[in-house]
Amino acid sequence: MNWRVYILGAARNWIIGQLTLGEFDSRRHVWHKAIVMACKIALFAYGINLVANLGMYQFDLLPFSLSAGLIAATILTPTIAFSVALAVYVVLGFAIYDLGVSRAELEHLSRTDMLSGLANRRDFLEKFDRCDLEKTLMVIDIDRFKLVNDNYGHSAGDEVIANVADMLASVFGDRGVCARIGGEEFAVFSAKLSFAEFAALGEVVRNRIAGTPTRVQGGSVSVTISAGITRALPEHKFRETFSRADKALYDAKTGGRNRIVLFYDTAPPAFQTMTDEKQARASTD
C-alpha cells in the first residue's frame, strides 16, 4: 500500500467532508451551518498563514519581523476568512435550501390529486404495496354521479368530489391513507385499525355524506356513496386486494346503492373478469 497516497486521500476526503454544506431543513439551519463552516475555514486559513509565516521566517524570506507577521495573521486572517466564507456559505446554503423546498413541493404535487387534495392513484398504490402489515381496503364510488354533472354542471360535480374527500379525510385522519383513484372513485386503506373498526368508520363516512348536502351555485345537491371493504394479508398487493373490494362495491351498487358490502375472505372473488364487472356496474349507474 502507498501510505502517502492513502494519507493524502484520507486528508482530502476529511477536508471535503468538513466543508460540505449538505441539506437543510430550515433557514435557521442554514445560518447555523454557515457559521460553523465559516469558523472552520477561518481556523484553517489562520493555520496556513501561521505555517507560511514560520516557514518564510526559517528561510529569512519575511519582509517584516516574525512578531509583526504573527500579529497581522492573528488579527486579519480569521476576520477576513470568516466574513468571506460566511457570505459565500449563506448564499449557497439558501440556494440549496430553496432548491430542496421546491423539490419537496414538486414531489408532493406529483403524488396529490389536485381536485380532492387527497393522495392520487400512484401514491396510494405505492403506499399500499409497501405496507407489509395486515390491512383493510375500502373502495368507494359516488352513486349516480353522472346525474350531478348533467343536472348541475361539472363545477358542481367538482364541489361534490371535494366535499366527499374532506369527509373521508376528517373521519379517517392519520389512521388511514385516503385517495381519489379516478373520476368519482375513492379508496382508503389502513393497517392501524381492525377490520371491524375500519368498517365502522366506513359507515360513519357513508352516513355523513348522505346527510350533508353540498352547496353549489343555485342551491345544494345531496349524494350517497356505495363501497366495498375487504382485508389484505401482509403479502397481498393492491391489484388482488382491489379485485375483492371492487366485487363488494359491485354488490353494493346492484343491491340498491347507499350501502357498504364487506368481503372478509382473502381469496379471489368467484366472479367474471374485472372488465365484465366494470361494464356491468357502469350499466347500473
C-alpha atoms as a PDB file:
ATOM      1  CA  MET A   1       0.000   0.000   0.000  1.00  0.00           C
ATOM      2  CA  ASN A   2       1.221   3.507  -0.859  1.00  0.00           C
ATOM      3  CA  TRP A   3       0.779   5.160   2.547  1.00  0.00           C
ATOM      4  CA  ARG A   4       1.493   8.603   1.184  1.00  0.00           C
ATOM      5  CA  VAL A   5      -1.358   8.361  -1.346  1.00  0.00           C
ATOM      6  CA  TYR A   6      -3.656   6.867   1.307  1.00  0.00           C
ATOM      7  CA  ILE A   7      -2.927   9.629   3.822  1.00  0.00           C
ATOM      8  CA  LEU A   8      -3.349  12.384   1.236  1.00  0.00           C
ATOM      9  CA  GLY A   9      -6.625  10.826   0.042  1.00  0.00           C
ATOM     10  CA  ALA A  10      -7.936  10.498   3.592  1.00  0.00           C
ATOM     11  CA  ALA A  11      -6.955  14.077   4.374  1.00  0.00           C
ATOM     12  CA  ARG A  12      -8.626  15.320   1.200  1.00  0.00           C
ATOM     13  CA  ASN A  13     -11.839  13.428   1.992  1.00  0.00           C
ATOM     14  CA  TRP A  14     -11.835  14.737   5.558  1.00  0.00           C
ATOM     15  CA  ILE A  15     -11.420  18.327   4.395  1.00  0.00           C
ATOM     16  CA  ILE A  16     -14.190  17.930   1.799  1.00  0.00           C
ATOM     17  CA  GLY A  17     -16.439  16.382   4.445  1.00  0.00           C
ATOM     18  CA  GLN A  18     -15.778  19.237   6.832  1.00  0.00           C
ATOM     19  CA  LEU A  19     -16.531  21.883   4.226  1.00  0.00           C
ATOM     20  CA  THR A  20     -19.579  20.244   2.613  1.00  0.00           C
ATOM     21  CA  LEU A  21     -22.844  22.026   3.318  1.00  0.00           C
ATOM     22  CA  GLY A  22     -25.235  19.077   2.946  1.00  0.00           C
ATOM     23  CA  GLU A  23     -29.000  19.589   3.179  1.00  0.00           C
ATOM     24  CA  PHE A  24     -31.070  21.953   5.325  1.00  0.00           C
ATOM     25  CA  ASP A  25     -34.462  21.666   6.984  1.00  0.00           C
ATOM     26  CA  SER A  26     -34.904  25.380   7.797  1.00  0.00           C
ATOM     27  CA  ARG A  27     -33.380  28.803   7.173  1.00  0.00           C
ATOM     28  CA  ARG A  28     -32.156  28.830  10.764  1.00  0.00           C
ATOM     29  CA  HIS A  29     -30.280  25.619   9.999  1.00  0.00           C
ATOM     30  CA  VAL A  30     -28.636  27.397   7.025  1.00  0.00           C
ATOM     31  CA  TRP A  31     -27.311  30.160   9.294  1.00  0.00           C
ATOM     32  CA  HIS A  32     -26.101  27.677  11.905  1.00  0.00           C
ATOM     33  CA  LYS A  33     -24.257  25.546   9.357  1.00  0.00           C
ATOM     34  CA  ALA A  34     -22.804  28.607   7.583  1.00  0.00           C
ATOM     35  CA  ILE A  35     -21.395  29.997  10.857  1.00  0.00           C
ATOM     36  CA  VAL A  36     -19.874  26.632  11.765  1.00  0.00           C
ATOM     37  CA  MET A  37     -18.337  26.275   8.300  1.00  0.00           C
ATOM     38  CA  ALA A  38     -17.026  29.857   8.351  1.00  0.00           C
ATOM     39  CA  CYS A  39     -15.346  29.193  11.714  1.00  0.00           C
ATOM     40  CA  LYS A  40     -13.683  26.058  10.322  1.00  0.00           C
ATOM     41  CA  ILE A  41     -12.434  27.919   7.258  1.00  0.00           C
ATOM     42  CA  ALA A  42     -11.165  30.824   9.392  1.00  0.00           C
ATOM     43  CA  LEU A  43      -9.215  28.410  11.605  1.00  0.00           C
ATOM     44  CA  PHE A  44      -7.907  26.559   8.563  1.00  0.00           C
ATOM     45  CA  ALA A  45      -6.775  29.801   6.902  1.00  0.00           C
ATOM     46  CA  TYR A  46      -5.209  31.000  10.147  1.00  0.00           C
ATOM     47  CA  GLY A  47      -3.269  27.766  10.474  1.00  0.00           C
ATOM     48  CA  ILE A  48      -1.971  28.015   6.910  1.00  0.00           C
ATOM     49  CA  ASN A  49      -0.952  31.623   7.479  1.00  0.00           C
ATOM     50  CA  LEU A  50       0.958  30.729  10.656  1.00  0.00           C
ATOM     51  CA  VAL A  51       2.763  27.896   8.906  1.00  0.00           C
ATOM     52  CA  ALA A  52       3.596  30.162   5.972  1.00  0.00           C
ATOM     53  CA  ASN A  53       4.977  32.870   8.263  1.00  0.00           C
ATOM     54  CA  LEU A  54       7.093  30.403  10.230  1.00  0.00           C
ATOM     55  CA  GLY A  55       8.376  28.784   7.046  1.00  0.00           C
ATOM     56  CA  MET A  56       9.321  32.090   5.474  1.00  0.00           C
ATOM     57  CA  TYR A  57      10.983  33.134   8.732  1.00  0.00           C
ATOM     58  CA  GLN A  58      13.116  29.978   8.712  1.00  0.00           C
ATOM     59  CA  PHE A  59      14.364  30.818   5.224  1.00  0.00           C
ATOM     60  CA  ASP A  60      14.728  34.519   6.049  1.00  0.00           C
ATOM     61  CA  LEU A  61      12.136  35.494   3.467  1.00  0.00           C
ATOM     62  CA  LEU A  62       9.830  37.573   5.693  1.00  0.00           C
ATOM     63  CA  PRO A  63       9.907  41.281   4.709  1.00  0.00           C
ATOM     64  CA  PHE A  64       8.994  42.141   8.328  1.00  0.00           C
ATOM     65  CA  SER A  65       9.593  40.732  11.779  1.00  0.00           C
ATOM     66  CA  LEU A  66       8.069  37.406  12.795  1.00  0.00           C
ATOM     67  CA  SER A  67       6.095  39.029  15.607  1.00  0.00           C
ATOM     68  CA  ALA A  68       4.583  41.558  13.207  1.00  0.00           C
ATOM     69  CA  GLY A  69       3.642  38.768  10.789  1.00  0.00           C
ATOM     70  CA  LEU A  70       2.055  36.689  13.543  1.00  0.00           C
ATOM     71  CA  ILE A  71       0.081  39.678  14.846  1.00  0.00           C
ATOM     72  CA  ALA A  72      -1.167  40.500  11.360  1.00  0.00           C
ATOM     73  CA  ALA A  73      -2.079  36.858  10.742  1.00  0.00           C
ATOM     74  CA  THR A  74      -3.922  36.637  14.056  1.00  0.00           C
ATOM     75  CA  ILE A  75      -5.928  39.822  13.527  1.00  0.00           C
ATOM     76  CA  LEU A  76      -6.607  39.911   9.787  1.00  0.00           C
ATOM     77  CA  THR A  77      -6.706  36.310   8.530  1.00  0.00           C
ATOM     78  CA  PRO A  78      -9.524  34.912  10.737  1.00  0.00           C
ATOM     79  CA  THR A  79     -11.617  38.064  10.331  1.00  0.00           C
ATOM     80  CA  ILE A  80     -11.371  38.202   6.534  1.00  0.00           C
ATOM     81  CA  ALA A  81     -11.673  34.442   6.065  1.00  0.00           C
ATOM     82  CA  PHE A  82     -14.702  34.220   8.382  1.00  0.00           C
ATOM     83  CA  SER A  83     -16.513  37.130   6.699  1.00  0.00           C
ATOM     84  CA  VAL A  84     -15.944  35.896   3.155  1.00  0.00           C
ATOM     85  CA  ALA A  85     -16.738  32.259   3.996  1.00  0.00           C
ATOM     86  CA  LEU A  86     -19.899  33.222   5.885  1.00  0.00           C
ATOM     87  CA  ALA A  87     -21.200  35.297   2.970  1.00  0.00           C
ATOM     88  CA  VAL A  88     -20.473  32.553   0.427  1.00  0.00           C
ATOM     89  CA  TYR A  89     -21.917  29.744   2.534  1.00  0.00           C
ATOM     90  CA  VAL A  90     -25.080  31.695   3.387  1.00  0.00           C
ATOM     91  CA  VAL A  91     -25.750  32.409  -0.289  1.00  0.00           C
ATOM     92  CA  LEU A  92     -25.075  28.794  -1.276  1.00  0.00           C
ATOM     93  CA  GLY A  93     -26.992  27.470   1.731  1.00  0.00           C
ATOM     94  CA  PHE A  94     -30.129  29.427   0.930  1.00  0.00           C
ATOM     95  CA  ALA A  95     -29.895  28.335  -2.716  1.00  0.00           C
ATOM     96  CA  ILE A  96     -29.647  24.675  -1.637  1.00  0.00           C
ATOM     97  CA  TYR A  97     -32.495  25.119   0.881  1.00  0.00           C
ATOM     98  CA  ASP A  98     -34.797  26.757  -1.674  1.00  0.00           C
ATOM     99  CA  LEU A  99     -33.971  24.033  -4.194  1.00  0.00           C
ATOM    100  CA  GLY A 100     -34.813  21.370  -1.612  1.00  0.00           C
ATOM    101  CA  VAL A 101     -38.115  23.065  -0.773  1.00  0.00           C
ATOM    102  CA  SER A 102     -39.013  23.274  -4.460  1.00  0.00           C
ATOM    103  CA  ARG A 103     -38.111  19.630  -4.972  1.00  0.00           C
ATOM    104  CA  ALA A 104     -40.246  18.602  -1.974  1.00  0.00           C
ATOM    105  CA  GLU A 105     -43.165  20.658  -3.267  1.00  0.00           C
ATOM    106  CA  LEU A 106     -42.894  19.092  -6.721  1.00  0.00           C
ATOM    107  CA  GLU A 107     -42.753  15.627  -5.175  1.00  0.00           C
ATOM    108  CA  HIS A 108     -45.851  16.422  -3.131  1.00  0.00           C
ATOM    109  CA  LEU A 109     -47.700  17.740  -6.164  1.00  0.00           C
ATOM    110  CA  SER A 110     -46.794  14.643  -8.182  1.00  0.00           C
ATOM    111  CA  ARG A 111     -48.449  12.473  -5.522  1.00  0.00           C
ATOM    112  CA  THR A 112     -51.523  14.597  -4.817  1.00  0.00           C
ATOM    113  CA  ASP A 113     -54.857  14.748  -6.605  1.00  0.00           C
ATOM    114  CA  MET A 114     -55.359  18.446  -7.193  1.00  0.00           C
ATOM    115  CA  LEU A 115     -59.174  18.435  -7.098  1.00  0.00           C
ATOM    116  CA  SER A 116     -59.654  16.479  -3.882  1.00  0.00           C
ATOM    117  CA  GLY A 117     -56.388  17.226  -2.108  1.00  0.00           C
ATOM    118  CA  LEU A 118     -56.026  13.521  -1.328  1.00  0.00           C
ATOM    119  CA  ALA A 119     -53.308  11.172  -2.496  1.00  0.00           C
ATOM    120  CA  ASN A 120     -53.503  10.234  -6.162  1.00  0.00           C
ATOM    121  CA  ARG A 121     -53.684   6.698  -7.527  1.00  0.00           C
ATOM    122  CA  ARG A 122     -49.918   6.352  -7.991  1.00  0.00           C
ATOM    123  CA  ASP A 123     -49.121   7.392  -4.432  1.00  0.00           C
ATOM    124  CA  PHE A 124     -51.882   5.221  -2.981  1.00  0.00           C
ATOM    125  CA  LEU A 125     -50.770   2.097  -4.840  1.00  0.00           C
ATOM    126  CA  GLU A 126     -47.146   2.574  -3.823  1.00  0.00           C
ATOM    127  CA  LYS A 127     -48.027   3.060  -0.153  1.00  0.00           C
ATOM    128  CA  PHE A 128     -50.384   0.067  -0.187  1.00  0.00           C
ATOM    129  CA  ASP A 129     -47.817  -2.245  -1.758  1.00  0.00           C
ATOM    130  CA  ARG A 130     -45.052  -1.049   0.581  1.00  0.00           C
ATOM    131  CA  CYS A 131     -47.144  -1.787   3.665  1.00  0.00           C
ATOM    132  CA  ASP A 132     -46.163  -5.253   4.876  1.00  0.00           C
ATOM    133  CA  LEU A 133     -48.861  -5.476   7.577  1.00  0.00           C
ATOM    134  CA  GLU A 134     -52.376  -6.869   7.505  1.00  0.00           C
ATOM    135  CA  LYS A 135     -54.632  -4.059   6.364  1.00  0.00           C
ATOM    136  CA  THR A 136     -58.152  -3.208   5.253  1.00  0.00           C
ATOM    137  CA  LEU A 137     -59.116  -1.606   1.944  1.00  0.00           C
ATOM    138  CA  MET A 138     -62.276   0.277   1.066  1.00  0.00           C
ATOM    139  CA  VAL A 139     -63.196   1.263  -2.490  1.00  0.00           C
ATOM    140  CA  ILE A 140     -65.859   3.969  -2.746  1.00  0.00           C
ATOM    141  CA  ASP A 141     -67.964   5.206  -5.644  1.00  0.00           C
ATOM    142  CA  ILE A 142     -70.332   8.201  -5.638  1.00  0.00           C
ATOM    143  CA  ASP A 143     -73.798   6.973  -6.631  1.00  0.00           C
ATOM    144  CA  ARG A 144     -75.254   8.349  -9.877  1.00  0.00           C
ATOM    145  CA  PHE A 145     -72.513  10.940 -10.134  1.00  0.00           C
ATOM    146  CA  LYS A 146     -73.165  11.437 -13.835  1.00  0.00           C
ATOM    147  CA  LEU A 147     -76.568  12.905 -12.985  1.00  0.00           C
ATOM    148  CA  VAL A 148     -74.878  15.548 -10.832  1.00  0.00           C
ATOM    149  CA  ASN A 149     -72.754  16.676 -13.758  1.00  0.00           C
ATOM    150  CA  ASP A 150     -75.706  16.522 -16.176  1.00  0.00           C
ATOM    151  CA  ASN A 151     -78.155  18.402 -13.935  1.00  0.00           C
ATOM    152  CA  TYR A 152     -75.898  20.864 -12.115  1.00  0.00           C
ATOM    153  CA  GLY A 153     -72.774  21.154 -14.253  1.00  0.00           C
ATOM    154  CA  HIS A 154     -69.220  19.928 -13.886  1.00  0.00           C
ATOM    155  CA  SER A 155     -68.307  22.638 -11.380  1.00  0.00           C
ATOM    156  CA  ALA A 156     -70.966  21.221  -9.060  1.00  0.00           C
ATOM    157  CA  GLY A 157     -69.502  17.768  -9.632  1.00  0.00           C
ATOM    158  CA  ASP A 158     -66.106  19.096  -8.596  1.00  0.00           C
ATOM    159  CA  GLU A 159     -67.607  20.515  -5.401  1.00  0.00           C
ATOM    160  CA  VAL A 160     -69.178  17.145  -4.604  1.00  0.00           C
ATOM    161  CA  ILE A 161     -65.844  15.364  -5.105  1.00  0.00           C
ATOM    162  CA  ALA A 162     -64.065  17.873  -2.870  1.00  0.00           C
ATOM    163  CA  ASN A 163     -66.774  17.531  -0.205  1.00  0.00           C
ATOM    164  CA  VAL A 164     -66.567  13.728  -0.195  1.00  0.00           C
ATOM    165  CA  ALA A 165     -62.769  13.947   0.035  1.00  0.00           C
ATOM    166  CA  ASP A 166     -62.974  16.311   3.024  1.00  0.00           C
ATOM    167  CA  MET A 167     -65.290  13.937   4.877  1.00  0.00           C
ATOM    168  CA  LEU A 168     -63.051  10.952   4.186  1.00  0.00           C
ATOM    169  CA  ALA A 169     -60.005  12.820   5.454  1.00  0.00           C
ATOM    170  CA  SER A 170     -61.814  14.139   8.543  1.00  0.00           C
ATOM    171  CA  VAL A 171     -63.131  10.698   9.581  1.00  0.00           C
ATOM    172  CA  PHE A 172     -60.014   8.606   8.949  1.00  0.00           C
ATOM    173  CA  GLY A 173     -57.377  11.262   9.652  1.00  0.00           C
ATOM    174  CA  ASP A 174     -53.938   9.766  10.195  1.00  0.00           C
ATOM    175  CA  ARG A 175     -55.435   6.326  10.842  1.00  0.00           C
ATOM    176  CA  GLY A 176     -55.742   5.645   7.125  1.00  0.00           C
ATOM    177  CA  VAL A 177     -54.480   6.651   3.689  1.00  0.00           C
ATOM    178  CA  CYS A 178     -57.208   8.281   1.607  1.00  0.00           C
ATOM    179  CA  ALA A 179     -57.013   8.757  -2.153  1.00  0.00           C
ATOM    180  CA  ARG A 180     -59.007   9.635  -5.214  1.00  0.00           C
ATOM    181  CA  ILE A 181     -58.113   6.884  -7.640  1.00  0.00           C
ATOM    182  CA  GLY A 182     -60.144   8.020 -10.641  1.00  0.00           C
ATOM    183  CA  GLY A 183     -63.250  10.003 -11.570  1.00  0.00           C
ATOM    184  CA  GLU A 184     -65.759   9.685  -8.740  1.00  0.00           C
ATOM    185  CA  GLU A 185     -63.933   6.714  -7.207  1.00  0.00           C
ATOM    186  CA  PHE A 186     -62.040   6.873  -3.922  1.00  0.00           C
ATOM    187  CA  ALA A 187     -60.074   4.406  -1.843  1.00  0.00           C
ATOM    188  CA  VAL A 188     -58.925   4.169   1.761  1.00  0.00           C
ATOM    189  CA  PHE A 189     -56.656   1.649   3.441  1.00  0.00           C
ATOM    190  CA  SER A 190     -55.425   1.280   6.995  1.00  0.00           C
ATOM    191  CA  ALA A 191     -53.109  -1.039   8.883  1.00  0.00           C
ATOM    192  CA  LYS A 192     -53.831   0.722  12.178  1.00  0.00           C
ATOM    193  CA  LEU A 193     -57.470  -0.333  12.522  1.00  0.00           C
ATOM    194  CA  SER A 194     -59.076  -3.717  12.888  1.00  0.00           C
ATOM    195  CA  PHE A 195     -61.472  -4.842  10.169  1.00  0.00           C
ATOM    196  CA  ALA A 196     -64.476  -4.072  12.416  1.00  0.00           C
ATOM    197  CA  GLU A 197     -63.164  -0.622  13.405  1.00  0.00           C
ATOM    198  CA  PHE A 198     -62.425   0.227   9.790  1.00  0.00           C
ATOM    199  CA  ALA A 199     -65.916  -0.894   8.661  1.00  0.00           C
ATOM    200  CA  ALA A 200     -67.487   1.191  11.448  1.00  0.00           C
ATOM    201  CA  LEU A 201     -65.658   4.302  10.242  1.00  0.00           C
ATOM    202  CA  GLY A 202     -66.777   3.490   6.717  1.00  0.00           C
ATOM    203  CA  GLU A 203     -70.381   3.621   7.922  1.00  0.00           C
ATOM    204  CA  VAL A 204     -69.686   6.946   9.621  1.00  0.00           C
ATOM    205  CA  VAL A 205     -68.447   8.328   6.293  1.00  0.00           C
ATOM    206  CA  ARG A 206     -71.412   6.907   4.378  1.00  0.00           C
ATOM    207  CA  ASN A 207     -73.971   8.389   6.784  1.00  0.00           C
ATOM    208  CA  ARG A 208     -72.205  11.730   6.954  1.00  0.00           C
ATOM    209  CA  ILE A 209     -72.064  12.070   3.158  1.00  0.00           C
ATOM    210  CA  ALA A 210     -75.710  11.063   2.783  1.00  0.00           C
ATOM    211  CA  GLY A 211     -76.778  13.588   5.410  1.00  0.00           C
ATOM    212  CA  THR A 212     -74.647  16.542   4.281  1.00  0.00           C
ATOM    213  CA  PRO A 213     -75.751  18.297   1.076  1.00  0.00           C
ATOM    214  CA  THR A 214     -73.057  20.005  -0.959  1.00  0.00           C
ATOM    215  CA  ARG A 215     -73.590  23.702  -1.586  1.00  0.00           C
ATOM    216  CA  VAL A 216     -73.415  24.507  -5.271  1.00  0.00           C
ATOM    217  CA  GLN A 217     -74.307  27.524  -7.358  1.00  0.00           C
ATOM    218  CA  GLY A 218     -78.059  27.884  -7.296  1.00  0.00           C
ATOM    219  CA  GLY A 219     -78.737  25.544  -4.382  1.00  0.00           C
ATOM    220  CA  SER A 220     -77.423  22.307  -2.957  1.00  0.00           C
ATOM    221  CA  VAL A 221     -77.084  18.707  -4.070  1.00  0.00           C
ATOM    222  CA  SER A 222     -77.239  15.532  -1.991  1.00  0.00           C
ATOM    223  CA  VAL A 223     -75.334  12.407  -2.933  1.00  0.00           C
ATOM    224  CA  THR A 224     -74.776   8.975  -1.478  1.00  0.00           C
ATOM    225  CA  ILE A 225     -71.900   6.543  -1.801  1.00  0.00           C
ATOM    226  CA  SER A 226     -71.544   2.817  -2.221  1.00  0.00           C
ATOM    227  CA  ALA A 227     -68.468   0.994  -1.039  1.00  0.00           C
ATOM    228  CA  GLY A 228     -66.804  -2.377  -0.788  1.00  0.00           C
ATOM    229  CA  ILE A 229     -64.473  -3.323   2.056  1.00  0.00           C
ATOM    230  CA  THR A 230     -62.026  -6.209   2.161  1.00  0.00           C
ATOM    231  CA  ARG A 231     -58.961  -7.150   4.146  1.00  0.00           C
ATOM    232  CA  ALA A 232     -55.491  -7.908   2.848  1.00  0.00           C
ATOM    233  CA  LEU A 233     -52.813 -10.140   4.301  1.00  0.00           C
ATOM    234  CA  PRO A 234     -49.250  -8.747   4.509  1.00  0.00           C
ATOM    235  CA  GLU A 235     -48.209 -10.447   1.258  1.00  0.00           C
ATOM    236  CA  HIS A 236     -51.238  -9.239  -0.713  1.00  0.00           C
ATOM    237  CA  LYS A 237     -50.653  -6.474  -3.249  1.00  0.00           C
ATOM    238  CA  PHE A 238     -53.102  -3.822  -4.375  1.00  0.00           C
ATOM    239  CA  ARG A 239     -54.299  -5.492  -7.554  1.00  0.00           C
ATOM    240  CA  GLU A 240     -55.599  -8.691  -5.981  1.00  0.00           C
ATOM    241  CA  THR A 241     -57.000  -6.854  -2.954  1.00  0.00           C
ATOM    242  CA  PHE A 242     -58.726  -4.306  -5.170  1.00  0.00           C
ATOM    243  CA  SER A 243     -60.484  -7.063  -7.120  1.00  0.00           C
ATOM    244  CA  ARG A 244     -62.150  -8.264  -3.907  1.00  0.00           C
ATOM    245  CA  ALA A 245     -63.104  -4.761  -2.771  1.00  0.00           C
ATOM    246  CA  ASP A 246     -64.396  -3.969  -6.251  1.00  0.00           C
ATOM    247  CA  LYS A 247     -66.558  -7.101  -6.206  1.00  0.00           C
ATOM    248  CA  ALA A 248     -68.038  -5.955  -2.892  1.00  0.00           C
ATOM    249  CA  LEU A 249     -68.590  -2.475  -4.374  1.00  0.00           C
ATOM    250  CA  TYR A 250     -70.414  -4.040  -7.326  1.00  0.00           C
ATOM    251  CA  ASP A 251     -72.668  -5.931  -4.892  1.00  0.00           C
ATOM    252  CA  ALA A 252     -73.386  -2.656  -3.053  1.00  0.00           C
ATOM    253  CA  LYS A 253     -74.356  -0.994  -6.327  1.00  0.00           C
ATOM    254  CA  THR A 254     -76.608  -3.789  -7.514  1.00  0.00           C
ATOM    255  CA  GLY A 255     -78.061  -4.196  -4.030  1.00  0.00           C
ATOM    256  CA  GLY A 256     -79.585  -0.715  -4.025  1.00  0.00           C
ATOM    257  CA  ARG A 257     -76.676   1.720  -3.529  1.00  0.00           C
ATOM    258  CA  ASN A 258     -76.008   3.872  -0.451  1.00  0.00           C
ATOM    259  CA  ARG A 259     -74.555   0.894   1.359  1.00  0.00           C
ATOM    260  CA  ILE A 260     -71.297  -0.833   2.195  1.00  0.00           C
ATOM    261  CA  VAL A 261     -70.675  -4.508   1.474  1.00  0.00           C
ATOM    262  CA  LEU A 262     -67.993  -6.406   3.379  1.00  0.00           C
ATOM    263  CA  PHE A 263     -65.764  -9.055   1.791  1.00  0.00           C
ATOM    264  CA  TYR A 264     -63.845 -10.570   4.690  1.00  0.00           C
ATOM    265  CA  ASP A 265     -62.480 -13.551   2.769  1.00  0.00           C
ATOM    266  CA  THR A 266     -58.977 -13.041   1.356  1.00  0.00           C
ATOM    267  CA  ALA A 267     -59.464 -15.479  -1.529  1.00  0.00           C
ATOM    268  CA  PRO A 268     -60.055 -14.102  -5.046  1.00  0.00           C
ATOM    269  CA  PRO A 269     -63.771 -13.451  -5.722  1.00  0.00           C
ATOM    270  CA  ALA A 270     -65.608 -16.013  -7.821  1.00  0.00           C
ATOM    271  CA  PHE A 271     -66.784 -13.557 -10.430  1.00  0.00           C
ATOM    272  CA  GLN A 272     -66.342 -12.669 -14.072  1.00  0.00           C
ATOM    273  CA  THR A 273     -63.362 -10.776 -15.317  1.00  0.00           C
ATOM    274  CA  MET A 274     -62.727  -7.305 -13.964  1.00  0.00           C
ATOM    275  CA  THR A 275     -63.638  -5.857 -17.350  1.00  0.00           C
ATOM    276  CA  ASP A 276     -67.024  -7.554 -17.282  1.00  0.00           C
ATOM    277  CA  GLU A 277     -67.609  -6.304 -13.759  1.00  0.00           C
ATOM    278  CA  LYS A 278     -66.788  -2.734 -14.643  1.00  0.00           C
ATOM    279  CA  GLN A 279     -69.110  -2.855 -17.628  1.00  0.00           C
ATOM    280  CA  ALA A 280     -71.907  -4.313 -15.540  1.00  0.00           C
ATOM    281  CA  ARG A 281     -71.540  -1.633 -12.884  1.00  0.00           C
ATOM    282  CA  ALA A 282     -71.449   1.122 -15.463  1.00  0.00           C
ATOM    283  CA  SER A 283     -74.727  -0.131 -16.879  1.00  0.00           C
ATOM    284  CA  THR A 284     -76.385   0.127 -13.461  1.00  0.00           C
ATOM    285  CA  ASP A 285     -75.148   3.663 -12.699  1.00  0.00           C
END
